[in-house]
């Protein structure tokens, strides 16, 4: 709960299988306080167990997507233990985005900085408004973006990542697309249209197939090549034995729309 407004820290809306989780600290540019991260974690945990949720969209209320960690919270808690727990909470949240069975799309407007940029890069897809900006600016305040670089460096080439980390410079949406922080840029004023068009397209697929494929992607990408092929072959053979795979192949052969059961 937002102590200033009494409103939930995460707003939730479910429509046609698409769950939108909106971070709701607009005055703080949705800075990731521990209570906000806990609320996001709980929402993702619930979504993972909810069959009617096919796709998750993460958004930010107010003028910006997410300004990273809440520096006032960091400054007001001097204990090393608190700071360790804060960063552990953030790392757990980022890993949950990968482990939740549904595809996760970031809807990015305004700024996404430090852990906010990490959040964008961690999502499976990220669609940004043309005016969106991204940065890892910790170096400017004497605090290197060590944990954000873990998530972002898995999407961005090393020298591009180091340039962001060492300079703290803002990166515009075009550059963010070029280096891999985001997957798409919307036309001006068309952010929701692009985000939810993609979400509806993905939600129309077999939820079972999406879950298998998402898990397999993140596992194989960390493996040596031969191990990745062995693992992917096992997963694909398993997927072939599922009812939805048989239904999809049969529908393709007979030129009809498939009827998914999630099995």
C-alpha atoms as a PDB file:
ATOM      1  CA  UNK A   1       0.000   0.000   0.000  1.00  0.00           C
ATOM      2  CA  UNK A   2       1.229   3.495  -0.898  1.00  0.00           C
ATOM      3  CA  UNK A   3       1.488   5.214   2.501  1.00  0.00           C
ATOM      4  CA  UNK A   4       0.948   8.644   0.960  1.00  0.00           C
ATOM      5  CA  UNK A   5      -2.185   7.871  -1.056  1.00  0.00           C
ATOM      6  CA  UNK A   6      -3.540   4.655   0.442  1.00  0.00           C
ATOM      7  CA  UNK A   7      -3.593   3.139  -3.064  1.00  0.00           C
ATOM      8  CA  UNK A   8      -2.066  -0.262  -3.924  1.00  0.00           C
ATOM      9  CA  UNK A   9       1.606  -0.155  -4.854  1.00  0.00           C
ATOM     10  CA  UNK A  10       0.832  -2.350  -7.857  1.00  0.00           C
ATOM     11  CA  UNK A  11      -2.358  -1.835  -9.845  1.00  0.00           C
ATOM     12  CA  UNK A  12      -3.672  -4.976 -11.540  1.00  0.00           C
ATOM     13  CA  UNK A  13      -5.935  -5.353 -14.542  1.00  0.00           C
ATOM     14  CA  UNK A  14      -6.799  -8.620 -16.312  1.00  0.00           C
ATOM     15  CA  UNK A  15      -8.481  -8.513 -19.710  1.00  0.00           C
ATOM     16  CA  UNK A  16      -8.634 -11.264 -22.340  1.00  0.00           C
ATOM     17  CA  UNK A  17      -5.811 -13.184 -20.705  1.00  0.00           C
ATOM     18  CA  UNK A  18      -3.501 -10.146 -20.480  1.00  0.00           C
ATOM     19  CA  UNK A  19      -2.526  -9.111 -16.951  1.00  0.00           C
ATOM     20  CA  UNK A  20      -1.222  -5.562 -16.602  1.00  0.00           C
ATOM     21  CA  UNK A  21       0.846  -4.829 -13.494  1.00  0.00           C
ATOM     22  CA  UNK A  22       1.301  -1.086 -13.066  1.00  0.00           C
ATOM     23  CA  UNK A  23       3.864   0.173 -10.559  1.00  0.00           C
ATOM     24  CA  UNK A  24       2.059   2.890  -8.631  1.00  0.00           C
ATOM     25  CA  UNK A  25       4.539   5.333  -7.102  1.00  0.00           C
ATOM     26  CA  UNK A  26       4.223   8.106  -9.699  1.00  0.00           C
ATOM     27  CA  UNK A  27       5.675  10.906  -7.538  1.00  0.00           C
ATOM     28  CA  UNK A  28       8.811   8.816  -7.034  1.00  0.00           C
ATOM     29  CA  UNK A  29       8.966   7.783 -10.723  1.00  0.00           C
ATOM     30  CA  UNK A  30       8.076   4.274  -9.504  1.00  0.00           C
ATOM     31  CA  UNK A  31      11.357   3.867  -7.655  1.00  0.00           C
ATOM     32  CA  UNK A  32      11.776   0.282  -6.487  1.00  0.00           C
ATOM     33  CA  UNK A  33      11.293   0.466  -2.735  1.00  0.00           C
ATOM     34  CA  UNK A  34      11.262  -2.800  -0.838  1.00  0.00           C
ATOM     35  CA  UNK A  35       7.454  -2.671  -0.411  1.00  0.00           C
ATOM     36  CA  UNK A  36       6.978  -2.085  -4.150  1.00  0.00           C
ATOM     37  CA  UNK A  37       9.284  -4.976  -5.025  1.00  0.00           C
ATOM     38  CA  UNK A  38       7.441  -7.226  -2.566  1.00  0.00           C
ATOM     39  CA  UNK A  39       4.120  -6.272  -4.162  1.00  0.00           C
ATOM     40  CA  UNK A  40       5.484  -6.985  -7.646  1.00  0.00           C
ATOM     41  CA  UNK A  41       6.912 -10.308  -6.493  1.00  0.00           C
ATOM     42  CA  UNK A  42       3.564 -11.342  -4.984  1.00  0.00           C
ATOM     43  CA  UNK A  43       1.687 -10.335  -8.151  1.00  0.00           C
ATOM     44  CA  UNK A  44       4.038 -12.373 -10.347  1.00  0.00           C
ATOM     45  CA  UNK A  45       3.793 -15.374  -8.024  1.00  0.00           C
ATOM     46  CA  UNK A  46      -0.013 -15.214  -8.217  1.00  0.00           C
ATOM     47  CA  UNK A  47       0.054 -14.832 -12.004  1.00  0.00           C
ATOM     48  CA  UNK A  48       2.280 -17.883 -12.367  1.00  0.00           C
ATOM     49  CA  UNK A  49      -0.425 -19.982 -10.694  1.00  0.00           C
ATOM     50  CA  UNK A  50      -3.360 -18.444 -12.575  1.00  0.00           C
ATOM     51  CA  UNK A  51      -4.342 -20.360 -15.710  1.00  0.00           C
ATOM     52  CA  UNK A  52      -6.369 -17.477 -17.159  1.00  0.00           C
ATOM     53  CA  UNK A  53      -3.267 -15.252 -17.335  1.00  0.00           C
ATOM     54  CA  UNK A  54      -1.587 -15.736 -20.722  1.00  0.00           C
ATOM     55  CA  UNK A  55       0.673 -12.667 -20.931  1.00  0.00           C
ATOM     56  CA  UNK A  56       1.940 -10.126 -18.383  1.00  0.00           C
ATOM     57  CA  UNK A  57       2.527  -6.441 -19.129  1.00  0.00           C
ATOM     58  CA  UNK A  58       4.600  -4.368 -16.679  1.00  0.00           C
ATOM     59  CA  UNK A  59       3.931  -0.635 -16.761  1.00  0.00           C
ATOM     60  CA  UNK A  60       4.584   2.447 -14.655  1.00  0.00           C
ATOM     61  CA  UNK A  61       2.059   5.022 -13.458  1.00  0.00           C
ATOM     62  CA  UNK A  62       2.807   8.707 -13.955  1.00  0.00           C
ATOM     63  CA  UNK A  63       5.505  10.449 -16.010  1.00  0.00           C
ATOM     64  CA  UNK A  64       8.137   7.704 -16.004  1.00  0.00           C
ATOM     65  CA  UNK A  65       8.478   3.928 -16.116  1.00  0.00           C
ATOM     66  CA  UNK A  66      10.943   3.382 -13.258  1.00  0.00           C
ATOM     67  CA  UNK A  67      13.788   5.436 -11.773  1.00  0.00           C
ATOM     68  CA  UNK A  68      15.602   2.487 -10.208  1.00  0.00           C
ATOM     69  CA  UNK A  69      16.097   1.984  -6.492  1.00  0.00           C
ATOM     70  CA  UNK A  70      14.568   4.395  -3.980  1.00  0.00           C
ATOM     71  CA  UNK A  71      17.672   6.349  -2.988  1.00  0.00           C
ATOM     72  CA  UNK A  72      15.910   7.969  -0.024  1.00  0.00           C
ATOM     73  CA  UNK A  73      15.183   4.499   1.322  1.00  0.00           C
ATOM     74  CA  UNK A  74      18.816   3.509   0.745  1.00  0.00           C
ATOM     75  CA  UNK A  75      20.128   6.651   2.448  1.00  0.00           C
ATOM     76  CA  UNK A  76      17.841   6.316   5.463  1.00  0.00           C
ATOM     77  CA  UNK A  77      18.906   2.739   6.217  1.00  0.00           C
ATOM     78  CA  UNK A  78      22.604   2.677   7.020  1.00  0.00           C
ATOM     79  CA  UNK A  79      22.960  -0.991   7.948  1.00  0.00           C
ATOM     80  CA  UNK A  80      24.860  -3.282   5.606  1.00  0.00           C
ATOM     81  CA  UNK A  81      22.314  -6.017   6.296  1.00  0.00           C
ATOM     82  CA  UNK A  82      19.418  -3.862   5.091  1.00  0.00           C
ATOM     83  CA  UNK A  83      21.219  -3.000   1.878  1.00  0.00           C
ATOM     84  CA  UNK A  84      22.061  -6.638   1.244  1.00  0.00           C
ATOM     85  CA  UNK A  85      18.412  -7.589   1.726  1.00  0.00           C
ATOM     86  CA  UNK A  86      17.293  -4.745  -0.554  1.00  0.00           C
ATOM     87  CA  UNK A  87      19.534  -5.932  -3.375  1.00  0.00           C
ATOM     88  CA  UNK A  88      18.565  -9.555  -2.768  1.00  0.00           C
ATOM     89  CA  UNK A  89      14.895  -8.569  -3.101  1.00  0.00           C
ATOM     90  CA  UNK A  90      15.635  -6.885  -6.419  1.00  0.00           C
ATOM     91  CA  UNK A  91      17.642  -9.824  -7.743  1.00  0.00           C
ATOM     92  CA  UNK A  92      14.855 -12.218  -6.747  1.00  0.00           C
ATOM     93  CA  UNK A  93      12.272 -10.069  -8.536  1.00  0.00           C
ATOM     94  CA  UNK A  94      14.325  -9.942 -11.736  1.00  0.00           C
ATOM     95  CA  UNK A  95      14.819 -13.699 -11.707  1.00  0.00           C
ATOM     96  CA  UNK A  96      11.096 -14.200 -11.120  1.00  0.00           C
ATOM     97  CA  UNK A  97      10.362 -12.352 -14.356  1.00  0.00           C
ATOM     98  CA  UNK A  98      12.371 -15.054 -16.143  1.00  0.00           C
ATOM     99  CA  UNK A  99      10.919 -17.964 -14.182  1.00  0.00           C
ATOM    100  CA  UNK A 100       7.252 -16.955 -14.365  1.00  0.00           C
ATOM    101  CA  UNK A 101       5.650 -19.142 -17.034  1.00  0.00           C
ATOM    102  CA  UNK A 102       3.986 -16.311 -18.959  1.00  0.00           C
ATOM    103  CA  UNK A 103       5.806 -14.001 -21.397  1.00  0.00           C
ATOM    104  CA  UNK A 104       6.415 -10.589 -19.803  1.00  0.00           C
ATOM    105  CA  UNK A 105       6.323  -7.351 -21.814  1.00  0.00           C
ATOM    106  CA  UNK A 106       7.647  -4.035 -20.469  1.00  0.00           C
ATOM    107  CA  UNK A 107       5.583  -0.993 -21.489  1.00  0.00           C
ATOM    108  CA  UNK A 108       8.160   1.792 -21.270  1.00  0.00           C
ATOM    109  CA  UNK A 109       7.567   5.525 -21.247  1.00  0.00           C
ATOM    110  CA  UNK A 110       9.605   8.391 -19.823  1.00  0.00           C
ATOM    111  CA  UNK A 111      12.749   7.267 -18.030  1.00  0.00           C
ATOM    112  CA  UNK A 112      14.001   3.795 -17.140  1.00  0.00           C
ATOM    113  CA  UNK A 113      17.202   4.217 -15.159  1.00  0.00           C
ATOM    114  CA  UNK A 114      19.491   1.982 -13.088  1.00  0.00           C
ATOM    115  CA  UNK A 115      17.349  -0.874 -11.711  1.00  0.00           C
ATOM    116  CA  UNK A 116      14.512   0.480 -13.870  1.00  0.00           C
ATOM    117  CA  UNK A 117      16.634  -0.094 -16.966  1.00  0.00           C
ATOM    118  CA  UNK A 118      17.498  -3.521 -15.550  1.00  0.00           C
ATOM    119  CA  UNK A 119      13.781  -4.254 -15.237  1.00  0.00           C
ATOM    120  CA  UNK A 120      13.218  -3.362 -18.898  1.00  0.00           C
ATOM    121  CA  UNK A 121      16.138  -5.471 -20.110  1.00  0.00           C
ATOM    122  CA  UNK A 122      15.023  -8.418 -17.977  1.00  0.00           C
ATOM    123  CA  UNK A 123      11.511  -8.588 -19.440  1.00  0.00           C
ATOM    124  CA  UNK A 124      11.048 -11.005 -22.340  1.00  0.00           C
ATOM    125  CA  UNK A 125       9.977  -8.146 -24.616  1.00  0.00           C
ATOM    126  CA  UNK A 126      10.080  -4.386 -24.142  1.00  0.00           C
ATOM    127  CA  UNK A 127       8.140  -1.829 -26.148  1.00  0.00           C
ATOM    128  CA  UNK A 128       9.102   1.814 -25.649  1.00  0.00           C
ATOM    129  CA  UNK A 129       7.571   5.136 -26.545  1.00  0.00           C
ATOM    130  CA  UNK A 130       9.801   7.139 -28.928  1.00  0.00           C
ATOM    131  CA  UNK A 131      10.645   9.660 -26.192  1.00  0.00           C
ATOM    132  CA  UNK A 132      11.716   7.001 -23.641  1.00  0.00           C
ATOM    133  CA  UNK A 133      15.229   7.251 -22.208  1.00  0.00           C
ATOM    134  CA  UNK A 134      17.482   4.716 -20.533  1.00  0.00           C
ATOM    135  CA  UNK A 135      20.584   4.937 -18.360  1.00  0.00           C
ATOM    136  CA  UNK A 136      22.764   3.318 -15.715  1.00  0.00           C
ATOM    137  CA  UNK A 137      23.719   6.612 -14.022  1.00  0.00           C
ATOM    138  CA  UNK A 138      25.002   5.317 -10.690  1.00  0.00           C
ATOM    139  CA  UNK A 139      28.558   6.348 -11.517  1.00  0.00           C
ATOM    140  CA  UNK A 140      27.385   9.973 -11.384  1.00  0.00           C
ATOM    141  CA  UNK A 141      26.571   9.661  -7.670  1.00  0.00           C
ATOM    142  CA  UNK A 142      29.497   7.450  -6.663  1.00  0.00           C
ATOM    143  CA  UNK A 143      27.471   4.233  -6.816  1.00  0.00           C
ATOM    144  CA  UNK A 144      28.337   1.921  -9.694  1.00  0.00           C
ATOM    145  CA  UNK A 145      25.317   0.082 -11.147  1.00  0.00           C
ATOM    146  CA  UNK A 146      26.655  -3.351 -10.238  1.00  0.00           C
ATOM    147  CA  UNK A 147      23.399  -5.269  -9.932  1.00  0.00           C
ATOM    148  CA  UNK A 148      21.638  -3.532 -12.854  1.00  0.00           C
ATOM    149  CA  UNK A 149      24.549  -4.487 -15.102  1.00  0.00           C
ATOM    150  CA  UNK A 150      23.860  -8.185 -14.453  1.00  0.00           C
ATOM    151  CA  UNK A 151      20.451  -8.012 -16.104  1.00  0.00           C
ATOM    152  CA  UNK A 152      21.304  -5.481 -18.796  1.00  0.00           C
ATOM    153  CA  UNK A 153      24.602  -7.105 -19.831  1.00  0.00           C
ATOM    154  CA  UNK A 154      22.673 -10.243 -20.754  1.00  0.00           C
ATOM    155  CA  UNK A 155      20.848  -8.220 -23.400  1.00  0.00           C
ATOM    156  CA  UNK A 156      23.538  -5.732 -24.497  1.00  0.00           C
ATOM    157  CA  UNK A 157      27.004  -6.189 -26.022  1.00  0.00           C
ATOM    158  CA  UNK A 158      29.874  -5.678 -23.575  1.00  0.00           C
ATOM    159  CA  UNK A 159      31.340  -2.441 -24.900  1.00  0.00           C
ATOM    160  CA  UNK A 160      27.916  -0.819 -25.211  1.00  0.00           C
ATOM    161  CA  UNK A 161      27.190  -1.901 -21.646  1.00  0.00           C
ATOM    162  CA  UNK A 162      30.482  -0.549 -20.359  1.00  0.00           C
ATOM    163  CA  UNK A 163      29.897   2.750 -22.109  1.00  0.00           C
ATOM    164  CA  UNK A 164      26.564   3.132 -20.319  1.00  0.00           C
ATOM    165  CA  UNK A 165      28.074   2.120 -16.978  1.00  0.00           C
ATOM    166  CA  UNK A 166      31.205   4.290 -17.191  1.00  0.00           C
ATOM    167  CA  UNK A 167      29.594   7.468 -18.522  1.00  0.00           C
ATOM    168  CA  UNK A 168      26.115   7.344 -16.975  1.00  0.00           C
ATOM    169  CA  UNK A 169      24.814   8.921 -20.188  1.00  0.00           C
ATOM    170  CA  UNK A 170      21.174   8.712 -21.211  1.00  0.00           C
ATOM    171  CA  UNK A 171      20.398   6.472 -24.179  1.00  0.00           C
ATOM    172  CA  UNK A 172      17.410   7.315 -26.368  1.00  0.00           C
ATOM    173  CA  UNK A 173      14.883   4.780 -27.613  1.00  0.00           C
ATOM    174  CA  UNK A 174      16.516   4.360 -31.014  1.00  0.00           C
ATOM    175  CA  UNK A 175      19.875   3.540 -29.437  1.00  0.00           C
ATOM    176  CA  UNK A 176      18.207   1.275 -26.878  1.00  0.00           C
ATOM    177  CA  UNK A 177      16.616  -0.678 -29.720  1.00  0.00           C
ATOM    178  CA  UNK A 178      19.913  -0.864 -31.595  1.00  0.00           C
ATOM    179  CA  UNK A 179      21.866  -2.280 -28.651  1.00  0.00           C
ATOM    180  CA  UNK A 180      19.166  -4.641 -27.387  1.00  0.00           C
ATOM    181  CA  UNK A 181      17.640  -3.076 -24.266  1.00  0.00           C
ATOM    182  CA  UNK A 182      14.213  -2.991 -25.941  1.00  0.00           C
ATOM    183  CA  UNK A 183      12.552  -4.975 -28.713  1.00  0.00           C
ATOM    184  CA  UNK A 184      10.326  -2.316 -30.311  1.00  0.00           C
ATOM    185  CA  UNK A 185       9.600   1.411 -30.484  1.00  0.00           C
ATOM    186  CA  UNK A 186       6.022   2.537 -30.953  1.00  0.00           C
ATOM    187  CA  UNK A 187       4.877   5.410 -33.097  1.00  0.00           C
ATOM    188  CA  UNK A 188       4.175   8.610 -31.166  1.00  0.00           C
ATOM    189  CA  UNK A 189       1.002   8.218 -29.140  1.00  0.00           C
ATOM    190  CA  UNK A 190       0.704   4.526 -30.092  1.00  0.00           C
ATOM    191  CA  UNK A 191       2.484   2.845 -27.178  1.00  0.00           C
ATOM    192  CA  UNK A 192      -0.557   1.039 -25.796  1.00  0.00           C
ATOM    193  CA  UNK A 193      -1.659   0.032 -29.282  1.00  0.00           C
ATOM    194  CA  UNK A 194       1.669  -1.694 -29.996  1.00  0.00           C
ATOM    195  CA  UNK A 195       2.044  -3.242 -26.535  1.00  0.00           C
ATOM    196  CA  UNK A 196      -1.411  -4.769 -26.459  1.00  0.00           C
ATOM    197  CA  UNK A 197      -1.369  -5.826 -30.114  1.00  0.00           C
ATOM    198  CA  UNK A 198       1.730  -7.888 -29.318  1.00  0.00           C
ATOM    199  CA  UNK A 199       0.209  -9.141 -26.072  1.00  0.00           C
ATOM    200  CA  UNK A 200      -2.977 -10.282 -27.848  1.00  0.00           C
ATOM    201  CA  UNK A 201      -0.966 -12.022 -30.559  1.00  0.00           C
ATOM    202  CA  UNK A 202       1.085 -13.920 -27.982  1.00  0.00           C
ATOM    203  CA  UNK A 203      -1.971 -14.706 -25.840  1.00  0.00           C
ATOM    204  CA  UNK A 204      -3.564 -16.408 -28.858  1.00  0.00           C
ATOM    205  CA  UNK A 205      -0.851 -19.113 -28.795  1.00  0.00           C
ATOM    206  CA  UNK A 206      -0.832 -22.281 -26.701  1.00  0.00           C
ATOM    207  CA  UNK A 207      -0.015 -21.303 -23.105  1.00  0.00           C
ATOM    208  CA  UNK A 208       1.659 -24.672 -22.606  1.00  0.00           C
ATOM    209  CA  UNK A 209       3.924 -24.137 -25.599  1.00  0.00           C
ATOM    210  CA  UNK A 210       4.840 -20.620 -24.499  1.00  0.00           C
ATOM    211  CA  UNK A 211       5.749 -21.815 -20.997  1.00  0.00           C
ATOM    212  CA  UNK A 212       7.926 -24.649 -22.309  1.00  0.00           C
ATOM    213  CA  UNK A 213       9.635 -22.376 -24.818  1.00  0.00           C
ATOM    214  CA  UNK A 214      10.299 -19.529 -22.407  1.00  0.00           C
ATOM    215  CA  UNK A 215      11.892 -21.795 -19.816  1.00  0.00           C
ATOM    216  CA  UNK A 216      13.967 -23.548 -22.462  1.00  0.00           C
ATOM    217  CA  UNK A 217      15.221 -20.274 -23.947  1.00  0.00           C
ATOM    218  CA  UNK A 218      16.678 -18.969 -20.696  1.00  0.00           C
ATOM    219  CA  UNK A 219      18.203 -22.324 -19.789  1.00  0.00           C
ATOM    220  CA  UNK A 220      19.884 -23.058 -23.111  1.00  0.00           C
ATOM    221  CA  UNK A 221      21.335 -19.580 -23.581  1.00  0.00           C
ATOM    222  CA  UNK A 222      23.615 -20.124 -20.564  1.00  0.00           C
ATOM    223  CA  UNK A 223      24.843 -23.548 -21.770  1.00  0.00           C
ATOM    224  CA  UNK A 224      27.783 -24.554 -23.962  1.00  0.00           C
ATOM    225  CA  UNK A 225      26.655 -25.146 -27.552  1.00  0.00           C
ATOM    226  CA  UNK A 226      26.629 -28.952 -27.505  1.00  0.00           C
ATOM    227  CA  UNK A 227      24.818 -29.052 -24.150  1.00  0.00           C
ATOM    228  CA  UNK A 228      22.298 -26.521 -25.420  1.00  0.00           C
ATOM    229  CA  UNK A 229      21.492 -28.647 -28.457  1.00  0.00           C
ATOM    230  CA  UNK A 230      21.118 -31.781 -26.303  1.00  0.00           C
ATOM    231  CA  UNK A 231      18.854 -29.968 -23.869  1.00  0.00           C
ATOM    232  CA  UNK A 232      16.768 -28.300 -26.597  1.00  0.00           C
ATOM    233  CA  UNK A 233      16.330 -31.622 -28.400  1.00  0.00           C
ATOM    234  CA  UNK A 234      14.946 -33.208 -25.229  1.00  0.00           C
ATOM    235  CA  UNK A 235      12.591 -30.289 -24.672  1.00  0.00           C
ATOM    236  CA  UNK A 236      11.376 -30.293 -28.264  1.00  0.00           C
ATOM    237  CA  UNK A 237      10.759 -34.059 -28.218  1.00  0.00           C
ATOM    238  CA  UNK A 238       8.752 -33.566 -25.026  1.00  0.00           C
ATOM    239  CA  UNK A 239       6.821 -30.674 -26.603  1.00  0.00           C
ATOM    240  CA  UNK A 240       6.015 -32.822 -29.659  1.00  0.00           C
ATOM    241  CA  UNK A 241       4.213 -35.295 -27.422  1.00  0.00           C
ATOM    242  CA  UNK A 242       1.824 -32.674 -26.039  1.00  0.00           C
ATOM    243  CA  UNK A 243      -1.821 -32.436 -27.126  1.00  0.00           C
ATOM    244  CA  UNK A 244      -1.474 -28.816 -28.241  1.00  0.00           C
ATOM    245  CA  UNK A 245       1.416 -29.733 -30.556  1.00  0.00           C
ATOM    246  CA  UNK A 246      -0.675 -32.470 -32.180  1.00  0.00           C
ATOM    247  CA  UNK A 247      -3.602 -30.045 -32.463  1.00  0.00           C
ATOM    248  CA  UNK A 248      -1.436 -27.306 -33.972  1.00  0.00           C
ATOM    249  CA  UNK A 249       0.136 -29.597 -36.567  1.00  0.00           C
ATOM    250  CA  UNK A 250      -3.242 -31.070 -37.480  1.00  0.00           C
ATOM    251  CA  UNK A 251      -4.766 -27.599 -37.819  1.00  0.00           C
ATOM    252  CA  UNK A 252      -1.878 -26.495 -40.044  1.00  0.00           C
ATOM    253  CA  UNK A 253      -2.184 -29.541 -42.307  1.00  0.00           C
ATOM    254  CA  UNK A 254      -5.951 -29.184 -42.578  1.00  0.00           C
ATOM    255  CA  UNK A 255      -5.857 -25.385 -42.963  1.00  0.00           C
ATOM    256  CA  UNK A 256      -7.987 -24.546 -39.935  1.00  0.00           C
ATOM    257  CA  UNK A 257      -7.550 -22.546 -36.752  1.00  0.00           C
ATOM    258  CA  UNK A 258      -6.167 -24.561 -33.805  1.00  0.00           C
ATOM    259  CA  UNK A 259      -8.152 -25.022 -30.615  1.00  0.00           C
ATOM    260  CA  UNK A 260      -5.706 -24.899 -27.720  1.00  0.00           C
ATOM    261  CA  UNK A 261      -6.296 -26.717 -24.449  1.00  0.00           C
ATOM    262  CA  UNK A 262      -3.032 -25.856 -22.716  1.00  0.00           C
ATOM    263  CA  UNK A 263      -2.129 -29.529 -22.523  1.00  0.00           C
END
